[in-house]
C-alpha atoms as a PDB file:
ATOM      1  CA  MET A   1      -9.670  24.725 -10.088  1.00  0.00           C
ATOM      2  CA  ASP A   2      -9.182  23.530 -13.586  1.00  0.00           C
ATOM      3  CA  LYS A   3     -10.108  20.781 -15.313  1.00  0.00           C
ATOM      4  CA  LYS A   4      -6.769  19.339 -15.190  1.00  0.00           C
ATOM      5  CA  ARG A   5      -6.276  19.272 -11.941  1.00  0.00           C
ATOM      6  CA  ALA A   6      -9.525  17.896 -11.031  1.00  0.00           C
ATOM      7  CA  PHE A   7      -8.618  15.248 -13.314  1.00  0.00           C
ATOM      8  CA  LEU A   8      -5.202  14.470 -11.166  1.00  0.00           C
ATOM      9  CA  ILE A   9      -7.251  14.596  -8.255  1.00  0.00           C
ATOM     10  CA  ILE A  10      -9.770  12.181  -8.945  1.00  0.00           C
ATOM     11  CA  GLN A  11      -7.088   9.912 -10.381  1.00  0.00           C
ATOM     12  CA  SER A  12      -5.342   9.996  -6.774  1.00  0.00           C
ATOM     13  CA  VAL A  13      -8.647   9.841  -4.794  1.00  0.00           C
ATOM     14  CA  VAL A  14      -9.522   6.172  -6.920  1.00  0.00           C
ATOM     15  CA  PHE A  15      -6.145   4.747  -6.781  1.00  0.00           C
ATOM     16  CA  VAL A  16      -6.485   5.648  -3.039  1.00  0.00           C
ATOM     17  CA  LEU A  17     -10.094   4.440  -2.753  1.00  0.00           C
ATOM     18  CA  ALA A  18      -8.563   1.055  -4.627  1.00  0.00           C
ATOM     19  CA  VAL A  19      -5.910   0.364  -2.146  1.00  0.00           C
ATOM     20  CA  LEU A  20      -8.206   1.176   1.236  1.00  0.00           C
ATOM     21  CA  ILE A  21     -10.674  -1.640  -0.435  1.00  0.00           C
ATOM     22  CA  LEU A  22      -7.999  -4.264  -1.363  1.00  0.00           C
ATOM     23  CA  SER A  23      -6.218  -3.714   2.291  1.00  0.00           C
ATOM     24  CA  PHE A  24      -9.787  -4.104   3.735  1.00  0.00           C
ATOM     25  CA  SER A  25     -10.683  -7.215   1.593  1.00  0.00           C
ATOM     26  CA  ALA A  26      -6.769  -8.874   2.810  1.00  0.00           C
ATOM     27  CA  ILE A  27      -7.711  -8.301   6.435  1.00  0.00           C
ATOM     28  CA  ARG A  28     -11.129  -9.825   6.047  1.00  0.00           C
ATOM     29  CA  ILE A  29      -9.578 -12.921   4.072  1.00  0.00           C
ATOM     30  CA  TYR A  30      -7.035 -13.117   7.100  1.00  0.00           C
ATOM     31  CA  ARG A  31      -9.972 -12.796   9.721  1.00  0.00           C
ATOM     32  CA  ASP A  32     -12.184 -15.628   7.590  1.00  0.00           C
ATOM     33  CA  GLY A  33      -9.137 -17.864   7.154  1.00  0.00           C
ATOM     34  CA  MET A  34      -8.488 -17.628  10.961  1.00  0.00           C
ATOM     35  CA  ALA A  35     -11.525 -19.062  11.898  1.00  0.00           C
ATOM     36  CA  ARG A  36     -11.670 -21.592   9.232  1.00  0.00           C
ATOM     37  CA  ARG A  37      -8.170 -22.537  10.867  1.00  0.00           C
ATOM     38  CA  ALA A  38      -9.829 -22.536  14.504  1.00  0.00           C
ATOM     39  CA  GLU A  39     -12.314 -25.412  13.278  1.00  0.00           C
ATOM     40  CA  ASP A  40     -10.008 -27.221  11.032  1.00  0.00           C
ATOM     41  CA  PRO A  41      -5.862 -26.536  12.049  1.00  0.00           C
ATOM     42  CA  SER A  42      -5.142 -27.965   8.229  1.00  0.00           C
ATOM     43  CA  ALA A  43      -7.488 -25.469   6.489  1.00  0.00           C
ATOM     44  CA  TYR A  44      -5.613 -22.944   4.297  1.00  0.00           C
ATOM     45  CA  ILE A  45      -6.214 -18.911   5.164  1.00  0.00           C
ATOM     46  CA  TYR A  46      -6.053 -17.983   1.688  1.00  0.00           C
ATOM     47  CA  THR A  47      -7.718 -19.836  -0.982  1.00  0.00           C
ATOM     48  CA  LYS A  48      -7.959 -18.921  -4.710  1.00  0.00           C
ATOM     49  CA  GLU A  49     -12.072 -18.485  -4.553  1.00  0.00           C
ATOM     50  CA  THR A  50     -11.988 -16.304  -1.143  1.00  0.00           C
ATOM     51  CA  ALA A  51      -9.281 -13.973  -2.390  1.00  0.00           C
ATOM     52  CA  THR A  52     -10.849 -13.914  -5.677  1.00  0.00           C
ATOM     53  CA  ALA A  53     -14.038 -12.976  -4.354  1.00  0.00           C
ATOM     54  CA  ALA A  54     -12.644 -10.626  -1.554  1.00  0.00           C
ATOM     55  CA  ALA A  55     -10.272  -8.505  -4.366  1.00  0.00           C
ATOM     56  CA  ALA A  56     -12.952  -7.912  -7.211  1.00  0.00           C
ATOM     57  CA  PRO A  57     -14.033  -4.673  -6.100  1.00  0.00           C
ATOM     58  CA  GLY A  58     -10.572  -3.347  -5.190  1.00  0.00           C
ATOM     59  CA  MET A  59      -9.441  -4.449  -8.558  1.00  0.00           C
ATOM     60  CA  LEU A  60     -12.024  -3.166 -10.867  1.00  0.00           C
ATOM     61  CA  THR A  61     -11.358   0.230  -8.587  1.00  0.00           C
ATOM     62  CA  ALA A  62      -7.735   0.322  -9.876  1.00  0.00           C
ATOM     63  CA  PHE A  63      -8.610  -0.656 -13.456  1.00  0.00           C
ATOM     64  CA  PHE A  64     -10.823   2.278 -12.971  1.00  0.00           C
ATOM     65  CA  GLY A  65      -7.714   4.000 -12.107  1.00  0.00           C
ATOM     66  CA  LEU A  66      -5.894   2.777 -14.474  1.00  0.00           C
ATOM     67  CA  GLY A  67      -8.424   3.859 -16.969  1.00  0.00           C
ATOM     68  CA  ILE A  68      -8.283   7.419 -16.034  1.00  0.00           C
ATOM     69  CA  SER A  69      -4.838   7.388 -16.064  1.00  0.00           C
ATOM     70  CA  ALA A  70      -4.669   6.304 -19.702  1.00  0.00           C
ATOM     71  CA  ALA A  71      -7.324   9.200 -20.469  1.00  0.00           C
ATOM     72  CA  CYS A  72      -4.278  11.363 -18.852  1.00  0.00           C
ATOM     73  CA  LEU A  73      -2.036   9.838 -20.863  1.00  0.00           C
ATOM     74  CA  ILE A  74      -4.114  10.684 -24.074  1.00  0.00           C
ATOM     75  CA  LEU A  75      -5.489  14.248 -23.298  1.00  0.00           C
ATOM     76  CA  GLY A  76      -2.031  15.126 -22.338  1.00  0.00           C
ATOM     77  CA  ILE A  77      -2.730  15.865 -18.706  1.00  0.00           C
ATOM     78  CA  LYS A  78       0.205  15.636 -16.240  1.00  0.00           C
ATOM     79  CA  ASP A  79       1.533  16.996 -13.044  1.00  0.00           C
ATOM     80  CA  GLU A  80       3.384  20.323 -13.640  1.00  0.00           C
ATOM     81  CA  ASN A  81       5.601  19.639 -10.279  1.00  0.00           C
ATOM     82  CA  ALA A  82       6.619  16.108 -11.276  1.00  0.00           C
ATOM     83  CA  ASP A  83       9.773  17.226 -13.218  1.00  0.00           C
ATOM     84  CA  ARG A  84      10.773  19.056 -10.395  1.00  0.00           C
ATOM     85  CA  PRO A  85      13.518  18.051  -7.956  1.00  0.00           C
ATOM     86  CA  VAL A  86      12.556  16.816  -4.549  1.00  0.00           C
ATOM     87  CA  THR A  87      13.141  19.579  -2.028  1.00  0.00           C
ATOM     88  CA  ASP A  88      15.050  19.048   1.212  1.00  0.00           C
ATOM     89  CA  VAL A  89      12.422  18.089   4.016  1.00  0.00           C
ATOM     90  CA  ASP A  90      14.086  20.469   6.204  1.00  0.00           C
ATOM     91  CA  THR A  91      13.878  23.675   3.922  1.00  0.00           C
ATOM     92  CA  ASP A  92      10.462  22.775   3.198  1.00  0.00           C
ATOM     93  CA  MET A  93       9.570  22.546   6.925  1.00  0.00           C
ATOM     94  CA  LYS A  94      11.545  25.788   7.256  1.00  0.00           C
ATOM     95  CA  LYS A  95       9.242  27.457   5.037  1.00  0.00           C
ATOM     96  CA  ALA A  96       6.399  26.452   6.548  1.00  0.00           C
ATOM     97  CA  GLY A  97       6.989  27.536   9.914  1.00  0.00           C
ATOM     98  CA  LYS A  98       4.816  27.297  12.670  1.00  0.00           C
ATOM     99  CA  ASN A  99       1.643  26.521  10.621  1.00  0.00           C
ATOM    100  CA  SER A 100       2.716  23.400   9.571  1.00  0.00           C
ATOM    101  CA  TRP A 101       1.303  20.407  11.429  1.00  0.00           C
ATOM    102  CA  LEU A 102       4.108  18.207  10.825  1.00  0.00           C
ATOM    103  CA  THR A 103       6.935  19.928  12.901  1.00  0.00           C
ATOM    104  CA  GLY A 104       7.790  19.115  16.508  1.00  0.00           C
ATOM    105  CA  LYS A 105       6.423  17.103  18.417  1.00  0.00           C
ATOM    106  CA  ASN A 106       3.710  16.029  16.189  1.00  0.00           C
ATOM    107  CA  LEU A 107       6.593  14.861  13.686  1.00  0.00           C
ATOM    108  CA  GLN A 108       7.753  12.866  16.720  1.00  0.00           C
ATOM    109  CA  TYR A 109       4.342  11.241  16.923  1.00  0.00           C
ATOM    110  CA  THR A 110       4.030  10.232  13.336  1.00  0.00           C
ATOM    111  CA  ARG A 111       7.492   8.746  13.145  1.00  0.00           C
ATOM    112  CA  LEU A 112       6.559   6.910  16.064  1.00  0.00           C
ATOM    113  CA  ALA A 113       3.231   5.808  15.072  1.00  0.00           C
ATOM    114  CA  VAL A 114       4.909   4.340  11.650  1.00  0.00           C
ATOM    115  CA  ILE A 115       7.213   2.440  13.741  1.00  0.00           C
ATOM    116  CA  ILE A 116       4.879   0.890  15.727  1.00  0.00           C
ATOM    117  CA  ALA A 117       2.639   0.125  12.783  1.00  0.00           C
ATOM    118  CA  ALA A 118       5.778  -1.627  10.841  1.00  0.00           C
ATOM    119  CA  ALA A 119       6.728  -3.657  14.404  1.00  0.00           C
ATOM    120  CA  VAL A 120       2.611  -4.822  14.670  1.00  0.00           C
ATOM    121  CA  PHE A 121       2.686  -6.131  11.232  1.00  0.00           C
ATOM    122  CA  ILE A 122       5.738  -7.608  11.107  1.00  0.00           C
ATOM    123  CA  ILE A 123       5.049  -9.425  14.699  1.00  0.00           C
ATOM    124  CA  ALA A 124       1.584 -10.170  12.598  1.00  0.00           C
ATOM    125  CA  GLY A 125       3.357 -11.888   9.664  1.00  0.00           C
ATOM    126  CA  ILE A 126       5.694 -13.965  11.989  1.00  0.00           C
ATOM    127  CA  ILE A 127       2.633 -15.413  14.265  1.00  0.00           C
ATOM    128  CA  ASN A 128       0.708 -15.867  10.568  1.00  0.00           C
ATOM    129  CA  GLY A 129       3.326 -18.273   9.804  1.00  0.00           C
ATOM    130  CA  ASN A 130       5.051 -16.124   6.730  1.00  0.00           C
ATOM    131  CA  MET A 131       8.256 -15.623   8.068  1.00  0.00           C
ATOM    132  CA  TYR A 132       9.417 -19.211   6.780  1.00  0.00           C
ATOM    133  CA  ALA A 133       7.786 -18.604   3.229  1.00  0.00           C
ATOM    134  CA  ILE A 134       9.599 -15.215   3.095  1.00  0.00           C
ATOM    135  CA  PHE A 135      12.765 -16.769   4.333  1.00  0.00           C
ATOM    136  CA  ILE A 136      12.519 -19.753   1.569  1.00  0.00           C
ATOM    137  CA  LYS A 137      11.577 -17.174  -1.179  1.00  0.00           C
ATOM    138  CA  ALA A 138      14.789 -15.022  -0.309  1.00  0.00           C
ATOM    139  CA  ILE A 139      16.799 -18.047  -0.510  1.00  0.00           C
ATOM    140  CA  ASN A 140      15.638 -19.356  -3.941  1.00  0.00           C
ATOM    141  CA  ILE A 141      16.316 -15.327  -5.254  1.00  0.00           C
ATOM    142  CA  CYS A 142      19.699 -15.714  -3.898  1.00  0.00           C
ATOM    143  CA  THR A 143      20.845 -18.876  -5.163  1.00  0.00           C
ATOM    144  CA  GLU A 144      18.788 -18.817  -8.458  1.00  0.00           C
ATOM    145  CA  CYS A 145      18.831 -15.399  -9.998  1.00  0.00           C
ATOM    146  CA  ILE A 146      21.930 -13.482  -8.233  1.00  0.00           C
ATOM    147  CA  GLY A 147      24.038 -17.046  -8.369  1.00  0.00           C
ATOM    148  CA  LEU A 148      25.454 -17.183  -4.687  1.00  0.00           C
ATOM    149  CA  GLY A 149      25.999 -20.632  -3.365  1.00  0.00           C
END
């Protein structure tokens, strides 16, 4: 494996790690906030202090990833396949044949898992009360930025 490819792999791993850390931090903040809300119904789930403390490791990892990206830019390291057009998924699956794990039933199960995960997150947002806040933001965008109403 050449050094350029290793650099790109490390960059990808760092960003995936940052996303995982930030995701688990958000879940922990929500869990702790719900516990506070159970004790005091008027308490906020998210506070600046808890968000800052929980997001610090993920943000440090993300900044490290940005540093690696800057180093790649300075050194001229880039993915050679980035400028190629995206090929058709069906064509790629035909090329892969039966050796690919993302064919047939596995593809259907993957699609089903993504749909179920989306539904769970939408329901969690509704239960959390974020539906109203997002609706207000959507109204503001339509009326202020786009000029409707």
